């Protein structure tokens, strides 16, 4: 946890999500969250790894009942600072690997939009996913975000001329899958890794989408767009974000599951 705390204590996660390029992921994820909720304000939401509350606070201000669980104390403090006291939001410190404070079948929608970025073994990922499924009602939805392997190989290993440094550190398998440790902060996956996790729990996949698609490959261009052009970019992105031939190239994916 020390590496994670150090990272989030110095990184402006709030600024990333509020940037133009970061907002594409947010807009996309919110679109699918609202589809799952269907406008029913009686539905209860759990966000595991709520960060600074970008999603939890917004949903609570819309009138939903939200429980926001966050590991990092600084992030939790920022989240709480956004509340006026009128929202139905309970903010708690806790770990995605242990949701024992919540009973089975407690929530209509469970969001896991950050924890999988920082879990480095299959056992840890499966425990977090299993816990999210357990606390979700039958027929309810679980949405899980992942960081994908290929954008890092393209943008970092080759794009930032880190190839030989990465190879010398034994951070790539022979088939170019990145190997991460806690000191590297982020864990990277491929679509087959996600499918393997899904197959181990009692869910059916609804959709696997590209949360930001090509956006992060051209951040300066996206951030420099005028409002009308950016609106068209989002329109284009949303029209292709479910295309399975593009999923693995997205920096972030959103796995939308329904509990059987």
Protein backbone atom coordinates (compact mmCIF):
# COMPACT_ATOMS: atom_id res chain seq x y z
CA UNK A 1 0.00 0.00 0.00
CA UNK A 2 2.97 2.35 0.53
CA UNK A 3 3.60 2.66 -3.22
CA UNK A 4 -0.09 3.31 -3.83
CA UNK A 5 -0.37 5.92 -1.09
CA UNK A 6 2.76 7.65 -2.32
CA UNK A 7 1.40 7.75 -5.87
CA UNK A 8 -2.05 9.12 -5.03
CA UNK A 9 -0.70 11.55 -2.43
CA UNK A 10 1.30 13.25 -5.18
CA UNK A 11 -0.79 12.62 -8.31
CA UNK A 12 -3.67 14.89 -9.33
CA UNK A 13 -6.24 12.19 -10.09
CA UNK A 14 -9.02 14.75 -9.82
CA UNK A 15 -7.34 16.90 -12.48
CA UNK A 16 -6.97 13.92 -14.82
CA UNK A 17 -10.67 13.12 -14.68
CA UNK A 18 -11.59 16.76 -15.19
CA UNK A 19 -9.24 17.24 -18.16
CA UNK A 20 -10.77 17.07 -21.61
CA UNK A 21 -9.04 13.79 -22.48
CA UNK A 22 -9.87 12.32 -19.07
CA UNK A 23 -13.51 13.32 -19.38
CA UNK A 24 -14.00 10.89 -22.29
CA UNK A 25 -13.58 7.94 -19.94
CA UNK A 26 -15.91 9.61 -17.43
CA UNK A 27 -18.62 10.44 -20.00
CA UNK A 28 -18.48 6.91 -21.40
CA UNK A 29 -18.61 5.19 -18.03
CA UNK A 30 -21.47 7.39 -16.84
CA UNK A 31 -23.44 6.55 -19.98
CA UNK A 32 -23.33 2.84 -19.15
CA UNK A 33 -23.92 3.41 -15.43
CA UNK A 34 -27.13 5.28 -16.22
CA UNK A 35 -28.22 2.58 -18.66
CA UNK A 36 -27.86 0.00 -15.88
CA UNK A 37 -29.73 2.14 -13.36
CA UNK A 38 -32.56 2.91 -15.77
CA UNK A 39 -33.40 6.10 -13.91
CA UNK A 40 -34.66 4.18 -10.86
CA UNK A 41 -33.58 6.31 -7.88
CA UNK A 42 -34.47 3.50 -5.48
CA UNK A 43 -31.47 1.49 -6.62
CA UNK A 44 -28.53 1.28 -4.21
CA UNK A 45 -24.99 1.76 -5.46
CA UNK A 46 -21.66 0.65 -4.02
CA UNK A 47 -18.47 2.10 -5.44
CA UNK A 48 -15.41 0.10 -4.42
CA UNK A 49 -12.28 2.20 -4.81
CA UNK A 50 -14.19 5.45 -5.13
CA UNK A 51 -11.09 7.63 -5.42
CA UNK A 52 -11.89 11.31 -5.03
CA UNK A 53 -15.58 10.68 -5.65
CA UNK A 54 -15.91 11.69 -9.28
CA UNK A 55 -18.61 9.06 -9.83
CA UNK A 56 -19.99 8.53 -6.31
CA UNK A 57 -20.58 12.18 -5.57
CA UNK A 58 -22.14 12.85 -8.97
CA UNK A 59 -24.52 9.91 -8.58
CA UNK A 60 -25.43 10.92 -5.01
CA UNK A 61 -26.18 14.46 -6.17
CA UNK A 62 -28.55 12.95 -8.75
CA UNK A 63 -30.49 11.42 -5.88
CA UNK A 64 -29.11 7.89 -5.73
CA UNK A 65 -28.19 6.18 -2.45
CA UNK A 66 -24.44 5.53 -2.64
CA UNK A 67 -21.85 3.87 -0.45
CA UNK A 68 -18.33 4.97 -1.40
CA UNK A 69 -15.46 2.77 -0.21
CA UNK A 70 -11.92 4.09 -0.67
CA UNK A 71 -8.53 2.80 0.50
CA UNK A 72 -6.44 5.98 0.34
CA UNK A 73 -7.13 8.47 3.13
CA UNK A 74 -6.25 11.54 1.04
CA UNK A 75 -8.67 10.54 -1.71
CA UNK A 76 -11.39 9.95 0.88
CA UNK A 77 -10.82 13.41 2.36
CA UNK A 78 -11.20 15.02 -1.06
CA UNK A 79 -14.38 13.00 -1.65
CA UNK A 80 -15.89 14.13 1.66
CA UNK A 81 -15.00 17.76 0.96
CA UNK A 82 -17.37 17.73 -2.03
CA UNK A 83 -20.41 16.83 0.05
CA UNK A 84 -22.94 19.37 1.27
CA UNK A 85 -24.75 16.99 3.61
CA UNK A 86 -27.83 16.74 1.42
CA UNK A 87 -26.60 13.67 -0.45
CA UNK A 88 -27.39 10.06 0.41
CA UNK A 89 -23.73 9.11 0.44
CA UNK A 90 -21.85 7.11 3.05
CA UNK A 91 -18.06 7.44 2.69
CA UNK A 92 -15.97 4.67 4.24
CA UNK A 93 -12.32 3.66 4.25
CA UNK A 94 -11.79 0.08 3.20
CA UNK A 95 -10.20 -2.46 0.88
CA UNK A 96 -11.65 -4.05 -2.26
CA UNK A 97 -10.37 -7.44 -1.10
CA UNK A 98 -12.60 -7.44 1.98
CA UNK A 99 -16.21 -6.29 1.73
CA UNK A 100 -17.29 -8.32 4.77
CA UNK A 101 -18.97 -5.26 6.31
CA UNK A 102 -21.61 -5.60 3.57
CA UNK A 103 -24.18 -8.42 3.48
CA UNK A 104 -24.77 -10.61 0.45
CA UNK A 105 -27.14 -9.17 -2.17
CA UNK A 106 -27.05 -5.61 -0.78
CA UNK A 107 -26.61 -3.45 -3.89
CA UNK A 108 -28.26 -3.06 -7.28
CA UNK A 109 -25.04 -1.77 -8.88
CA UNK A 110 -21.46 -2.32 -7.75
CA UNK A 111 -18.72 -0.22 -9.34
CA UNK A 112 -15.11 -1.38 -9.25
CA UNK A 113 -13.54 1.39 -11.29
CA UNK A 114 -10.04 1.51 -9.82
CA UNK A 115 -9.01 -1.47 -7.68
CA UNK A 116 -8.11 -3.79 -10.58
CA UNK A 117 -5.46 -1.25 -11.63
CA UNK A 118 -3.53 -2.09 -8.45
CA UNK A 119 -4.02 -5.82 -7.86
CA UNK A 120 -1.07 -7.82 -9.12
CA UNK A 121 -2.06 -11.47 -8.85
CA UNK A 122 -4.92 -13.46 -10.30
CA UNK A 123 -5.93 -14.50 -6.78
CA UNK A 124 -6.24 -10.88 -5.67
CA UNK A 125 -8.22 -9.88 -8.74
CA UNK A 126 -10.54 -12.84 -8.33
CA UNK A 127 -11.07 -12.08 -4.64
CA UNK A 128 -12.00 -8.48 -5.41
CA UNK A 129 -14.34 -9.54 -8.22
CA UNK A 130 -15.90 -12.30 -6.11
CA UNK A 131 -16.58 -9.86 -3.27
CA UNK A 132 -18.16 -7.36 -5.68
CA UNK A 133 -20.40 -10.09 -7.08
CA UNK A 134 -21.32 -11.36 -3.61
CA UNK A 135 -22.64 -8.00 -2.38
CA UNK A 136 -24.61 -7.39 -5.59
CA UNK A 137 -28.23 -8.50 -5.87
CA UNK A 138 -29.19 -11.27 -8.27
CA UNK A 139 -29.89 -9.56 -11.59
CA UNK A 140 -27.86 -6.54 -10.50
CA UNK A 141 -24.86 -5.18 -12.36
CA UNK A 142 -21.14 -5.11 -11.62
CA UNK A 143 -18.93 -2.76 -13.62
CA UNK A 144 -15.19 -3.35 -13.50
CA UNK A 145 -12.51 -1.13 -15.03
CA UNK A 146 -9.13 -2.38 -16.24
CA UNK A 147 -5.91 -0.87 -17.60
CA UNK A 148 -4.95 -2.56 -20.83
CA UNK A 149 -1.57 -3.97 -21.84
CA UNK A 150 -1.10 -2.83 -25.44
CA UNK A 151 -1.34 0.96 -24.95
CA UNK A 152 1.53 0.74 -22.47
CA UNK A 153 3.68 -1.24 -24.89
CA UNK A 154 2.88 1.23 -27.68
CA UNK A 155 2.93 4.54 -25.78
CA UNK A 156 5.49 3.83 -23.06
CA UNK A 157 7.80 1.02 -24.15
CA UNK A 158 8.18 2.27 -27.72
CA UNK A 159 6.68 5.77 -27.57
CA UNK A 160 8.91 6.91 -24.72
CA UNK A 161 11.95 4.91 -25.82
CA UNK A 162 11.84 2.60 -22.79
CA UNK A 163 12.27 -0.64 -24.73
CA UNK A 164 15.74 -1.70 -23.60
CA UNK A 165 15.22 -0.45 -20.05
CA UNK A 166 12.02 -2.48 -19.82
CA UNK A 167 13.61 -5.60 -21.31
CA UNK A 168 16.62 -5.33 -18.99
CA UNK A 169 14.25 -5.18 -16.01
CA UNK A 170 12.46 -8.35 -17.20
CA UNK A 171 9.15 -6.50 -17.33
CA UNK A 172 7.91 -8.10 -20.55
CA UNK A 173 7.04 -11.70 -21.34
CA UNK A 174 8.00 -13.25 -24.67
CA UNK A 175 4.53 -12.46 -25.99
CA UNK A 176 4.82 -8.81 -24.86
CA UNK A 177 2.63 -8.94 -21.78
CA UNK A 178 3.81 -6.39 -19.22
CA UNK A 179 4.83 -7.74 -15.81
CA UNK A 180 3.97 -5.39 -12.94
CA UNK A 181 4.84 -5.27 -9.25
CA UNK A 182 3.45 -2.93 -6.57
CA UNK A 183 6.33 -0.50 -7.16
CA UNK A 184 5.09 -0.11 -10.76
CA UNK A 185 1.67 1.01 -9.39
CA UNK A 186 -0.41 -0.18 -12.35
CA UNK A 187 -1.31 -3.72 -13.38
CA UNK A 188 -2.01 -4.30 -17.07
CA UNK A 189 -4.23 -6.94 -18.64
CA UNK A 190 -5.45 -8.29 -21.95
CA UNK A 191 -9.02 -9.18 -22.88
CA UNK A 192 -8.37 -12.88 -22.33
CA UNK A 193 -7.26 -12.14 -18.75
CA UNK A 194 -10.57 -10.37 -18.10
CA UNK A 195 -12.54 -13.23 -19.64
CA UNK A 196 -10.73 -15.73 -17.42
CA UNK A 197 -11.74 -13.80 -14.29
CA UNK A 198 -15.35 -13.50 -15.47
CA UNK A 199 -15.49 -17.25 -16.06
CA UNK A 200 -14.64 -17.93 -12.42
CA UNK A 201 -17.65 -16.08 -10.94
CA UNK A 202 -21.41 -16.45 -11.31
CA UNK A 203 -22.04 -13.69 -13.83
CA UNK A 204 -22.82 -13.16 -17.47
CA UNK A 205 -21.05 -10.50 -19.45
CA UNK A 206 -23.34 -7.82 -20.82
CA UNK A 207 -20.67 -5.82 -22.64
CA UNK A 208 -16.95 -5.12 -22.66
CA UNK A 209 -16.33 -1.59 -23.86
CA UNK A 210 -13.41 0.70 -24.64
CA UNK A 211 -13.80 3.42 -22.01
CA UNK A 212 -11.50 5.92 -23.73
CA UNK A 213 -10.59 4.22 -27.01
CA UNK A 214 -8.01 6.18 -29.00
CA UNK A 215 -8.30 9.31 -26.83
CA UNK A 216 -5.14 8.88 -24.78
CA UNK A 217 -3.01 8.31 -27.87
CA UNK A 218 -3.58 11.94 -28.80
CA UNK A 219 -4.04 13.84 -25.56
CA UNK A 220 -2.63 17.19 -26.78
CA UNK A 221 -4.93 17.13 -29.81
CA UNK A 222 -7.98 16.23 -27.71
CA UNK A 223 -7.21 18.86 -25.06
CA UNK A 224 -6.78 21.49 -27.76
CA UNK A 225 -10.11 20.87 -29.47
CA UNK A 226 -12.80 23.53 -29.40
CA UNK A 227 -16.09 22.56 -27.80
CA UNK A 228 -17.86 21.69 -31.05
CA UNK A 229 -15.01 19.48 -32.30
CA UNK A 230 -14.67 17.75 -28.94
CA UNK A 231 -18.39 17.05 -28.91
CA UNK A 232 -18.01 15.33 -32.28
CA UNK A 233 -15.03 13.33 -30.99
CA UNK A 234 -17.13 12.05 -28.08
CA UNK A 235 -19.95 11.23 -30.51
CA UNK A 236 -17.52 9.26 -32.68
CA UNK A 237 -15.96 7.50 -29.69
CA UNK A 238 -19.34 6.42 -28.30
CA UNK A 239 -20.31 5.07 -31.71
CA UNK A 240 -17.32 2.69 -31.76
CA UNK A 241 -16.60 1.96 -28.07
CA UNK A 242 -18.39 -1.40 -28.23
CA UNK A 243 -16.48 -2.61 -31.30
CA UNK A 244 -14.61 -5.69 -30.11
CA UNK A 245 -11.88 -5.27 -32.73
CA UNK A 246 -10.77 -2.08 -30.92
CA UNK A 247 -11.12 -3.05 -27.26
CA UNK A 248 -7.56 -4.18 -26.52
CA UNK A 249 -6.06 -0.96 -27.85
CA UNK A 250 -8.02 1.21 -25.39
CA UNK A 251 -6.09 2.43 -22.35
CA UNK A 252 -9.09 1.64 -20.14
CA UNK A 253 -11.87 -0.89 -20.58
CA UNK A 254 -15.15 -1.31 -18.73
CA UNK A 255 -16.41 -4.86 -18.16
CA UNK A 256 -20.19 -4.81 -17.60
CA UNK A 257 -21.45 -7.91 -15.83
CA UNK A 258 -24.81 -9.09 -14.52
CA UNK A 259 -25.11 -11.39 -11.52
CA UNK A 260 -26.93 -14.63 -12.36
